[in-house]
């Protein structure tokens, strides 16, 4: 995976070019991190145009997990809530 802006500078050895042509190796260009996440996971990143997260996307899952971790941290620290 490479940034799309670097495609014009990409230089590959012939064996890599051959492997790509034979579908033995893949090179993906991405414009945004969301595209990279989707390539790596096969799951949409899930960021909507309004900035919210699609509940089925990676970003919503990460956000949910971070909220759980924050709550656990608060419990361990003895505070009544997190800020």
C-alpha atoms as a PDB file:
ATOM      1  CA  UNK A   1       0.000   0.000   0.000  1.00  0.00           C
ATOM      2  CA  UNK A   2       1.347   3.383  -0.958  1.00  0.00           C
ATOM      3  CA  UNK A   3      -0.002   6.920  -0.914  1.00  0.00           C
ATOM      4  CA  UNK A   4      -1.637   7.738  -4.239  1.00  0.00           C
ATOM      5  CA  UNK A   5       0.532  10.851  -4.436  1.00  0.00           C
ATOM      6  CA  UNK A   6       3.631   8.614  -4.665  1.00  0.00           C
ATOM      7  CA  UNK A   7       2.530   6.546  -7.664  1.00  0.00           C
ATOM      8  CA  UNK A   8       4.439   8.694 -10.144  1.00  0.00           C
ATOM      9  CA  UNK A   9       7.645   8.065  -8.157  1.00  0.00           C
ATOM     10  CA  UNK A  10       7.198   4.309  -7.772  1.00  0.00           C
ATOM     11  CA  UNK A  11      10.140   2.302  -9.055  1.00  0.00           C
ATOM     12  CA  UNK A  12       9.967  -1.487  -8.942  1.00  0.00           C
ATOM     13  CA  UNK A  13      12.341  -4.260  -9.892  1.00  0.00           C
ATOM     14  CA  UNK A  14      11.188  -6.302 -12.869  1.00  0.00           C
ATOM     15  CA  UNK A  15      10.486  -9.387 -10.731  1.00  0.00           C
ATOM     16  CA  UNK A  16       8.026  -7.336  -8.667  1.00  0.00           C
ATOM     17  CA  UNK A  17       6.379  -5.958 -11.813  1.00  0.00           C
ATOM     18  CA  UNK A  18       6.025  -9.527 -13.091  1.00  0.00           C
ATOM     19  CA  UNK A  19       4.556 -10.702  -9.783  1.00  0.00           C
ATOM     20  CA  UNK A  20       1.997  -7.888  -9.883  1.00  0.00           C
ATOM     21  CA  UNK A  21       1.062  -8.755 -13.467  1.00  0.00           C
ATOM     22  CA  UNK A  22       0.588 -12.391 -12.437  1.00  0.00           C
ATOM     23  CA  UNK A  23      -1.510 -11.415  -9.376  1.00  0.00           C
ATOM     24  CA  UNK A  24       1.088 -12.884  -7.021  1.00  0.00           C
ATOM     25  CA  UNK A  25       1.721  -9.499  -5.436  1.00  0.00           C
ATOM     26  CA  UNK A  26      -0.530  -6.483  -5.057  1.00  0.00           C
ATOM     27  CA  UNK A  27       0.125  -2.793  -4.729  1.00  0.00           C
ATOM     28  CA  UNK A  28      -2.741  -0.598  -3.618  1.00  0.00           C
ATOM     29  CA  UNK A  29      -2.685   3.166  -3.770  1.00  0.00           C
ATOM     30  CA  UNK A  30      -4.808   5.041  -1.272  1.00  0.00           C
ATOM     31  CA  UNK A  31      -5.761   8.682  -0.962  1.00  0.00           C
ATOM     32  CA  UNK A  32      -6.973   8.601   2.648  1.00  0.00           C
ATOM     33  CA  UNK A  33      -6.404   6.471   5.733  1.00  0.00           C
ATOM     34  CA  UNK A  34     -10.017   5.312   5.457  1.00  0.00           C
ATOM     35  CA  UNK A  35      -9.187   3.652   2.125  1.00  0.00           C
ATOM     36  CA  UNK A  36      -6.160   1.948   3.670  1.00  0.00           C
ATOM     37  CA  UNK A  37      -8.229   0.595   6.554  1.00  0.00           C
ATOM     38  CA  UNK A  38     -10.729  -0.835   4.106  1.00  0.00           C
ATOM     39  CA  UNK A  39      -7.973  -2.470   2.022  1.00  0.00           C
ATOM     40  CA  UNK A  40      -6.358  -4.013   5.100  1.00  0.00           C
ATOM     41  CA  UNK A  41      -9.512  -5.216   6.848  1.00  0.00           C
ATOM     42  CA  UNK A  42     -12.095  -5.709   4.119  1.00  0.00           C
ATOM     43  CA  UNK A  43     -14.487  -3.715   6.300  1.00  0.00           C
ATOM     44  CA  UNK A  44     -15.525  -0.118   5.596  1.00  0.00           C
ATOM     45  CA  UNK A  45     -13.862   2.431   7.849  1.00  0.00           C
ATOM     46  CA  UNK A  46     -17.306   3.896   8.346  1.00  0.00           C
ATOM     47  CA  UNK A  47     -16.837   7.637   8.515  1.00  0.00           C
ATOM     48  CA  UNK A  48     -19.882   9.478   7.200  1.00  0.00           C
ATOM     49  CA  UNK A  49     -19.732  12.828   5.413  1.00  0.00           C
ATOM     50  CA  UNK A  50     -21.111  14.546   8.503  1.00  0.00           C
ATOM     51  CA  UNK A  51     -18.236  13.156  10.608  1.00  0.00           C
ATOM     52  CA  UNK A  52     -20.299  10.530  12.411  1.00  0.00           C
ATOM     53  CA  UNK A  53     -19.370   6.852  12.372  1.00  0.00           C
ATOM     54  CA  UNK A  54     -21.351   4.112  10.638  1.00  0.00           C
ATOM     55  CA  UNK A  55     -22.200   1.605  13.395  1.00  0.00           C
ATOM     56  CA  UNK A  56     -20.885  -1.294  11.284  1.00  0.00           C
ATOM     57  CA  UNK A  57     -17.567   0.378  10.440  1.00  0.00           C
ATOM     58  CA  UNK A  58     -14.093   0.045  11.919  1.00  0.00           C
ATOM     59  CA  UNK A  59     -14.111   3.575  13.357  1.00  0.00           C
ATOM     60  CA  UNK A  60     -17.309   2.891  15.349  1.00  0.00           C
ATOM     61  CA  UNK A  61     -15.812  -0.348  16.684  1.00  0.00           C
ATOM     62  CA  UNK A  62     -12.636   1.453  17.727  1.00  0.00           C
ATOM     63  CA  UNK A  63     -14.637   4.273  19.299  1.00  0.00           C
ATOM     64  CA  UNK A  64     -16.722   1.745  21.240  1.00  0.00           C
ATOM     65  CA  UNK A  65     -13.634  -0.084  22.472  1.00  0.00           C
ATOM     66  CA  UNK A  66     -11.960   3.147  23.546  1.00  0.00           C
ATOM     67  CA  UNK A  67     -15.068   4.101  25.535  1.00  0.00           C
ATOM     68  CA  UNK A  68     -14.972   0.737  27.333  1.00  0.00           C
ATOM     69  CA  UNK A  69     -11.261   1.132  28.074  1.00  0.00           C
ATOM     70  CA  UNK A  70     -11.853   4.660  29.390  1.00  0.00           C
ATOM     71  CA  UNK A  71     -14.588   3.398  31.714  1.00  0.00           C
ATOM     72  CA  UNK A  72     -12.337   0.611  32.986  1.00  0.00           C
ATOM     73  CA  UNK A  73      -9.538   3.090  33.586  1.00  0.00           C
ATOM     74  CA  UNK A  74     -11.880   5.296  35.590  1.00  0.00           C
ATOM     75  CA  UNK A  75     -12.977   2.309  37.697  1.00  0.00           C
ATOM     76  CA  UNK A  76      -9.367   1.358  38.365  1.00  0.00           C
ATOM     77  CA  UNK A  77      -8.421   4.900  39.313  1.00  0.00           C
ATOM     78  CA  UNK A  78     -11.260   5.223  41.826  1.00  0.00           C
ATOM     79  CA  UNK A  79     -12.892   8.229  40.158  1.00  0.00           C
ATOM     80  CA  UNK A  80     -16.644   8.474  39.638  1.00  0.00           C
ATOM     81  CA  UNK A  81     -16.530   9.341  35.931  1.00  0.00           C
ATOM     82  CA  UNK A  82     -14.231  10.248  33.100  1.00  0.00           C
ATOM     83  CA  UNK A  83     -13.966  13.611  31.468  1.00  0.00           C
END
